[in-house]
Protein backbone atom coordinates (compact mmCIF):
# COMPACT_ATOMS: atom_id res chain seq x y z
CA MET A 1 33.87 15.01 -20.32
CA ALA A 2 30.97 12.20 -21.91
CA LEU A 3 27.84 12.59 -19.22
CA ASP A 4 26.49 9.03 -21.37
CA THR A 5 29.83 7.46 -20.44
CA LEU A 6 29.98 8.65 -16.86
CA ILE A 7 26.24 7.20 -16.08
CA ALA A 8 27.46 4.31 -17.55
CA ASN A 9 30.59 3.60 -15.95
CA THR A 10 28.83 4.38 -12.51
CA ILE A 11 24.98 4.05 -12.41
CA ARG A 12 23.91 0.47 -12.02
CA ALA A 13 22.66 -1.34 -15.23
CA ASP A 14 19.45 -2.16 -14.01
CA VAL A 15 18.83 1.67 -12.55
CA ARG A 16 19.57 2.82 -16.13
CA ALA A 17 17.06 0.40 -17.49
CA ILE A 18 14.29 1.09 -15.48
CA ALA A 19 12.27 4.17 -15.89
CA SER A 20 11.29 6.60 -13.25
CA TYR A 21 8.19 5.73 -10.99
CA HIS A 22 5.87 8.31 -13.01
CA VAL A 23 2.80 10.08 -11.21
CA PRO A 24 0.36 11.80 -13.67
CA ASP A 25 -0.70 15.84 -12.56
CA ALA A 26 -4.41 15.47 -11.22
CA SER A 27 -5.37 19.04 -11.47
CA GLY A 28 -8.71 19.86 -12.76
CA TYR A 29 -9.37 15.60 -12.71
CA ILE A 30 -11.79 14.16 -10.83
CA LYS A 31 -9.40 11.57 -8.89
CA LEU A 32 -10.19 8.23 -8.67
CA ASP A 33 -6.74 6.85 -9.52
CA ALA A 34 -4.56 6.45 -6.14
CA MET A 35 -6.66 5.01 -3.41
CA GLU A 36 -7.16 8.70 -1.64
CA ASN A 37 -9.66 9.22 1.22
CA PRO A 38 -11.73 12.20 -0.64
CA TYR A 39 -13.26 13.89 2.50
CA ALA A 40 -11.50 16.71 4.62
CA LEU A 41 -11.03 16.90 8.04
CA PRO A 42 -13.92 19.16 9.52
CA ASP A 43 -13.44 22.77 9.51
CA ALA A 44 -12.80 22.67 13.14
CA LEU A 45 -10.87 20.35 13.46
CA ARG A 46 -8.51 22.07 10.36
CA ALA A 47 -8.78 24.93 12.72
CA GLU A 48 -6.95 23.14 15.53
CA LEU A 49 -4.78 21.21 13.71
CA GLY A 50 -3.30 24.62 12.03
CA GLN A 51 -2.80 25.79 15.58
CA ARG A 52 -0.34 22.58 16.82
CA LEU A 53 1.01 22.90 13.52
CA ALA A 54 1.89 27.05 14.26
CA ALA A 55 3.37 25.62 17.31
CA ALA A 56 5.47 22.96 16.09
CA VAL A 57 9.40 23.57 16.18
CA LEU A 58 11.22 23.67 13.22
CA ASN A 59 14.43 24.72 14.01
CA ARG A 60 15.05 21.70 15.94
CA TYR A 61 15.54 18.24 14.86
CA PRO A 62 12.89 15.71 15.70
CA VAL A 63 13.20 13.62 18.62
CA PRO A 64 14.57 10.81 17.05
CA SER A 65 12.60 8.26 18.81
CA TYR A 66 9.39 9.29 18.19
CA ALA A 67 8.17 8.17 21.25
CA SER A 68 5.03 10.00 21.39
CA LEU A 69 4.00 9.09 18.18
CA LYS A 70 4.79 6.06 18.84
CA GLN A 71 3.22 5.59 21.91
CA ARG A 72 -0.35 6.58 20.49
CA ILE A 73 -0.09 4.02 17.01
CA VAL A 74 0.37 1.02 19.77
CA ALA A 75 -2.75 3.07 21.97
CA ARG A 76 -5.03 2.94 19.00
CA LEU A 77 -4.23 0.90 16.40
CA GLY A 78 -4.45 -2.50 17.78
CA VAL A 79 -0.37 -3.26 18.25
CA PRO A 80 -0.08 -6.23 20.87
CA ALA A 81 0.90 -4.98 24.64
CA GLY A 82 4.84 -5.43 24.43
CA TYR A 83 5.36 -4.65 21.07
CA ASP A 84 6.34 -1.54 19.39
CA VAL A 85 6.41 0.10 15.81
CA LEU A 86 8.75 0.91 13.51
CA LEU A 87 7.97 4.30 11.81
CA GLY A 88 8.25 5.47 7.50
CA ASN A 89 8.20 7.75 5.13
CA GLY A 90 4.93 6.64 4.00
CA SER A 91 4.67 2.08 3.55
CA ASP A 92 7.47 3.05 0.63
CA GLU A 93 9.94 3.59 2.43
CA ILE A 94 9.15 0.68 4.92
CA ILE A 95 9.05 -1.76 2.49
CA SER A 96 12.63 -0.36 1.12
CA LEU A 97 14.02 -0.77 4.75
CA LEU A 98 12.99 -4.35 4.96
CA CYS A 99 14.99 -4.78 1.61
CA MET A 100 17.59 -2.96 2.47
CA ALA A 101 18.21 -5.35 6.54
CA THR A 102 17.82 -8.33 4.57
CA ALA A 103 20.04 -7.82 1.12
CA ARG A 104 23.05 -10.18 1.68
CA GLN A 105 26.26 -9.33 0.64
CA ASP A 106 27.74 -13.12 0.54
CA ARG A 107 25.25 -13.72 -1.54
CA ARG A 108 21.63 -12.33 -3.54
CA ALA A 109 18.70 -12.14 -1.56
CA THR A 110 15.63 -13.08 -2.66
CA VAL A 111 11.88 -11.59 -2.77
CA LEU A 112 9.18 -13.77 -3.62
CA ALA A 113 5.27 -12.19 -3.58
CA PRO A 114 2.32 -12.98 -5.77
CA VAL A 115 1.23 -11.33 -8.63
CA PRO A 116 0.13 -9.28 -9.47
CA THR A 117 0.13 -6.98 -6.36
CA PHE A 118 1.77 -4.19 -5.18
CA VAL A 119 4.59 -2.65 -6.97
CA MET A 120 6.76 -1.41 -4.88
CA PHE A 121 7.23 -4.54 -3.44
CA GLN A 122 9.23 -5.87 -6.71
CA ARG A 123 10.94 -2.53 -7.29
CA SER A 124 12.52 -2.21 -3.93
CA ALA A 125 13.83 -5.47 -3.97
CA THR A 126 15.61 -4.37 -6.90
CA MET A 127 17.10 -1.54 -5.73
CA ALA A 128 18.29 -3.59 -2.88
CA GLY A 129 19.97 -5.53 -5.32
CA GLN A 130 17.70 -8.79 -4.55
CA ASP A 131 16.02 -11.06 -7.17
CA PHE A 132 12.51 -10.62 -7.43
CA VAL A 133 10.30 -14.11 -8.09
CA GLY A 134 6.88 -13.16 -8.73
CA VAL A 135 4.15 -16.17 -8.24
CA PRO A 136 0.85 -15.69 -10.14
CA LEU A 137 -2.43 -15.92 -8.45
CA ARG A 138 -5.09 -18.20 -9.98
CA ALA A 139 -7.61 -16.71 -12.70
CA ASP A 140 -9.80 -15.58 -9.07
CA PHE A 141 -6.93 -13.50 -7.69
CA SER A 142 -7.04 -16.36 -5.16
CA LEU A 143 -3.17 -17.53 -4.03
CA ASP A 144 -2.17 -20.84 -5.77
CA MET A 145 -0.90 -22.41 -3.26
CA PRO A 146 0.64 -25.55 -4.22
CA ALA A 147 2.57 -22.94 -6.65
CA MET A 148 3.58 -20.08 -3.68
CA LEU A 149 4.81 -23.17 -0.70
CA ALA A 150 6.82 -24.85 -3.92
CA ALA A 151 8.65 -21.36 -4.50
CA ILE A 152 9.75 -20.86 -1.21
CA ALA A 153 10.91 -23.91 -1.08
CA ALA A 154 12.74 -23.73 -4.07
CA HIS A 155 13.77 -19.94 -3.53
CA ARG A 156 13.96 -19.68 0.28
CA PRO A 157 13.04 -16.30 0.03
CA ALA A 158 14.66 -13.72 2.64
CA LEU A 159 10.88 -11.68 2.63
CA VAL A 160 7.54 -12.66 0.91
CA PHE A 161 5.11 -9.53 0.83
CA LEU A 162 1.30 -10.12 0.88
CA ALA A 163 -0.71 -7.46 0.55
CA TYR A 164 -3.88 -7.81 2.46
CA PRO A 165 -6.13 -7.33 0.74
CA ASN A 166 -4.05 -7.48 -2.09
CA ASN A 167 -3.90 -3.99 -4.63
CA PRO A 168 -5.03 -3.90 -7.14
CA THR A 169 -7.37 -7.08 -7.01
CA GLY A 170 -8.85 -6.27 -4.15
CA ASN A 171 -9.30 -9.39 -2.39
CA LEU A 172 -8.42 -10.64 1.25
CA HIS A 173 -6.43 -13.93 0.59
CA SER A 174 -7.54 -16.83 2.85
CA ALA A 175 -6.39 -16.21 6.37
CA ALA A 176 -5.63 -19.80 6.78
CA ASP A 177 -3.24 -19.65 3.41
CA VAL A 178 -1.47 -16.50 5.14
CA ALA A 179 -0.83 -18.80 7.98
CA ALA A 180 0.38 -21.74 5.95
CA LEU A 181 3.11 -19.30 4.21
CA ALA A 182 4.30 -18.22 7.84
CA ALA A 183 4.32 -21.90 8.77
CA ALA A 184 6.32 -22.67 5.16
CA LEU A 185 8.94 -19.95 5.55
CA GLY A 186 9.75 -20.82 9.65
CA GLU A 187 12.98 -19.48 10.85
CA HIS A 188 14.27 -18.66 6.91
CA GLY A 189 12.02 -16.03 5.93
CA ILE A 190 9.61 -13.35 6.97
CA LEU A 191 6.25 -12.71 6.21
CA VAL A 192 5.23 -9.10 5.70
CA VAL A 193 1.71 -8.95 5.84
CA ASP A 194 1.12 -5.58 3.74
CA GLU A 195 -2.40 -4.16 5.48
CA ALA A 196 -2.39 -0.60 3.87
CA TYR A 197 -6.39 -1.38 3.43
CA GLU A 198 -7.51 -1.83 7.11
CA PRO A 199 -9.22 0.72 7.71
CA PHE A 200 -11.84 -0.96 4.98
CA ALA A 201 -11.52 -4.65 5.64
CA ARG A 202 -11.67 -4.24 9.21
CA THR A 203 -9.73 -7.93 9.69
CA SER A 204 -6.17 -7.67 10.67
CA PHE A 205 -3.13 -9.96 11.75
CA MET A 206 -1.74 -7.32 13.67
CA GLY A 207 -3.32 -8.96 16.83
CA GLU A 208 -1.77 -12.27 16.34
CA LEU A 209 1.57 -11.55 15.75
CA PRO A 210 2.93 -12.38 19.28
CA ALA A 211 1.55 -16.50 17.38
CA TYR A 212 3.93 -15.54 14.09
CA PRO A 213 8.11 -14.59 15.31
CA ASN A 214 8.41 -14.28 11.84
CA MET A 215 5.52 -12.01 10.53
CA VAL A 216 6.26 -8.33 9.68
CA VAL A 217 2.68 -6.55 10.03
CA MET A 218 3.03 -3.07 8.26
CA ARG A 219 -0.18 -0.21 7.60
CA THR A 220 0.06 3.00 6.53
CA LEU A 221 -1.99 6.44 7.07
CA SER A 222 -2.89 7.31 3.19
CA LYS A 223 -5.47 5.18 2.89
CA LEU A 224 -6.94 6.32 6.13
CA GLY A 225 -6.77 9.94 5.29
CA LEU A 226 -3.77 11.57 5.31
CA ALA A 227 -2.06 10.92 2.31
CA GLY A 228 -0.52 13.82 2.30
CA ILE A 229 1.55 13.65 5.38
CA ARG A 230 3.21 10.38 4.17
CA LEU A 231 3.13 8.56 7.60
CA GLY A 232 4.21 4.29 7.57
CA TYR A 233 4.20 2.17 10.52
CA MET A 234 5.49 -1.51 11.27
CA SER A 235 5.36 -3.99 13.89
CA ALA A 236 7.25 -7.35 14.52
CA ALA A 237 8.54 -9.42 17.08
CA PRO A 238 10.34 -6.94 19.35
CA ALA A 239 14.23 -8.43 18.59
CA LEU A 240 13.47 -8.76 14.88
CA LEU A 241 11.75 -4.64 15.15
CA ALA A 242 14.93 -3.85 16.10
CA GLU A 243 17.41 -5.17 14.09
CA ILE A 244 15.17 -3.62 11.00
CA GLU A 245 15.33 -0.32 13.13
CA LYS A 246 19.33 -0.25 12.68
CA VAL A 247 18.64 0.43 8.75
CA ARG A 248 16.18 3.51 9.36
CA PRO A 249 17.40 6.70 8.63
CA PRO A 250 17.97 8.27 12.36
CA TYR A 251 15.06 11.96 11.43
CA ASN A 252 13.12 10.00 8.59
CA ILE A 253 9.76 11.38 9.86
CA ASN A 254 9.35 15.22 9.94
CA VAL A 255 8.08 17.24 12.21
CA LEU A 256 5.13 18.23 10.80
CA THR A 257 3.78 14.90 9.99
CA GLN A 258 4.32 13.85 13.93
CA VAL A 259 2.35 16.84 14.92
CA ALA A 260 -0.43 15.86 12.24
CA ALA A 261 -0.24 12.20 12.68
CA GLU A 262 -0.49 12.79 16.34
CA PHE A 263 -3.70 14.76 16.08
CA ALA A 264 -5.06 12.57 13.81
CA LEU A 265 -4.67 9.90 16.32
CA ASP A 266 -6.19 12.00 18.83
CA HIS A 267 -9.56 12.29 16.86
CA LEU A 268 -9.53 8.69 15.14
CA GLU A 269 -13.45 8.70 15.32
CA VAL A 270 -13.41 11.01 12.70
CA LEU A 271 -11.29 9.28 10.18
CA ASP A 272 -12.91 6.04 11.38
CA ALA A 273 -16.04 6.82 10.71
CA GLN A 274 -15.05 8.24 6.83
CA ALA A 275 -13.73 5.06 6.11
CA ALA A 276 -17.97 3.54 7.48
CA LEU A 277 -19.12 6.12 4.50
CA LEU A 278 -16.62 4.94 2.15
CA ASN A 279 -17.02 1.15 3.03
CA ALA A 280 -20.53 1.62 2.35
CA GLU A 281 -20.34 3.31 -0.56
CA ARG A 282 -18.53 0.88 -2.43
CA PRO A 283 -21.16 -1.52 -2.66
CA ARG A 284 -23.70 0.60 -4.00
CA LEU A 285 -20.48 0.90 -6.88
CA ALA A 286 -19.79 -2.25 -7.77
CA ALA A 287 -23.76 -2.78 -8.09
CA ALA A 288 -24.12 0.25 -10.32
CA LEU A 289 -20.41 -0.86 -12.55
CA ALA A 290 -22.18 -4.45 -12.87
CA ALA A 291 -25.52 -2.92 -14.49
CA LEU A 292 -23.35 -1.57 -16.92
CA PRO A 293 -23.15 -3.70 -20.39
CA GLY A 294 -19.67 -5.64 -20.57
CA VAL A 295 -18.67 -4.89 -17.07
CA THR A 296 -16.99 -7.05 -15.07
CA VAL A 297 -16.74 -6.19 -11.32
CA PHE A 298 -14.83 -8.07 -8.42
CA PRO A 299 -15.06 -8.40 -5.00
CA SER A 300 -13.11 -5.75 -3.00
CA ALA A 301 -12.25 -5.42 1.03
CA ALA A 302 -10.55 -2.22 0.13
CA ASN A 303 -11.74 1.41 -0.92
CA PHE A 304 -11.23 0.88 -4.02
CA LEU A 305 -12.84 -1.65 -7.27
CA LEU A 306 -11.16 -3.84 -10.15
CA PHE A 307 -13.20 -3.71 -12.88
CA ARG A 308 -13.21 -5.40 -16.40
CA VAL A 309 -14.62 -3.42 -20.05
CA PRO A 310 -14.08 -4.84 -23.49
CA ASP A 311 -11.57 -2.17 -24.34
CA ALA A 312 -9.63 -0.35 -21.18
CA ASP A 313 -7.37 1.55 -23.54
CA ALA A 314 -10.32 3.40 -25.10
CA VAL A 315 -12.06 3.40 -22.02
CA GLN A 316 -9.73 5.30 -20.15
CA ALA A 317 -9.29 7.70 -22.70
CA LYS A 318 -12.33 8.25 -22.99
CA LEU A 319 -12.53 8.83 -19.08
CA VAL A 320 -9.51 11.26 -19.00
CA ALA A 321 -11.25 13.62 -22.15
CA ASP A 322 -14.11 13.60 -19.38
CA LYS A 323 -11.71 14.51 -16.63
CA VAL A 324 -11.67 11.65 -14.64
CA LEU A 325 -8.65 9.58 -13.09
CA ALA A 326 -9.27 6.26 -13.04
CA LYS A 327 -6.02 3.36 -13.04
CA ASN A 328 -5.81 1.76 -16.41
CA MET A 329 -4.05 -2.09 -14.76
CA SER A 330 -4.13 -3.49 -18.21
CA LYS A 331 -0.34 -3.30 -19.24
CA MET A 332 0.34 -4.79 -15.42
CA HIS A 333 -0.04 -8.65 -15.74
CA ALA A 334 -1.90 -10.46 -17.97
CA LEU A 335 -4.53 -11.59 -15.22
CA LEU A 336 -5.52 -7.97 -15.69
CA ALA A 337 -6.08 -7.75 -19.27
CA ASN A 338 -9.05 -4.78 -19.97
CA CYS A 339 -9.00 -4.04 -16.02
CA LEU A 340 -8.91 -0.26 -14.47
CA ARG A 341 -9.47 0.23 -10.99
CA VAL A 342 -11.22 2.79 -9.08
CA THR A 343 -11.27 4.49 -6.08
CA VAL A 344 -14.63 4.69 -4.11
CA SER A 345 -15.25 8.25 -2.97
CA THR A 346 -18.46 10.43 -2.23
CA PRO A 347 -21.55 9.71 -4.09
CA ASP A 348 -21.14 12.79 -6.04
CA GLU A 349 -17.79 11.54 -7.71
CA ASN A 350 -18.96 7.57 -7.65
CA ALA A 351 -21.75 9.46 -9.62
CA ALA A 352 -19.83 11.49 -12.39
CA PHE A 353 -17.81 8.76 -12.74
CA LEU A 354 -20.20 6.56 -13.59
CA GLN A 355 -21.74 9.03 -15.84
CA ALA A 356 -18.35 9.18 -17.78
CA LEU A 357 -18.11 5.66 -17.88
CA THR A 358 -21.27 5.09 -19.47
CA ALA A 359 -20.61 7.39 -21.70
CA ALA A 360 -16.91 5.96 -22.48
CA LEU A 361 -18.66 2.12 -23.13
CA LYS A 362 -21.28 3.63 -26.00
């Protein structure tokens, strides 16, 4: 049997045409390419967490309702009264569930987003068999509202994804523009506001969900300091949330993730304090970057900074040689020409990055 013939006969052409999502090995590097919280839990809390994890019941499936974890999220993370949450294996699964639930069998549905933005919006839409329409941001990375509204009118998208703040640009879109997009979609589409970086932006549409029946707000615990447990959540009008819930696998959150997340939410003040440290470092790192010759830094409300250099490929190669990882965004979109993205980290790691970047620019 010819395996290539088997693959051609069974695997979708658009899947065969793309590459797998690649995450490079970061062993031995200062890892500033994935927007992670660099701070570990304090030792005393780690010991207590270890006890809770040791007591977890691993020989049984999780309780599929995840009631205790969802109750903590609702109580501690600003979910409106009378609203519930849906849990996912990170934000990625929630994006996939949204695309899966809105993919049509009678015709191809459309997913729309401003670009450049989080790559999983387009990737998940493609995997669900949906058409993806990207509307370029303006040169300052703000929404091109006439173009967005025209695209909504022309394509009638089932979903519009909006990262708030946006990744990889870091900026917050205007709240008035977000409201205008929800109004333009009306009863024909869902506006998904991705608030992955809410711990740093400190602004949210979560509390305003009752005013927007066609809005979904999704978040993750990854950026808050729990990237390793892979837990995302979303909230929406109860009737809409119930429909998305139907496509969620019954045991998609494992027991260890549930225990770790419940523990972290019991000690949310520790994670909030760590986020405050990173927020304090962000303007200092931005100022230091802006002082370097040939560097342009863009405003950010997240835990990362996007900046432009004369030659992103050359600079990144030199950073890698110095065991520092930043993300080269220059091939992602024309608006990101010669741009790199760096995670805001501890003062020591930020200093090491600046030293390596200064040398790379020479």
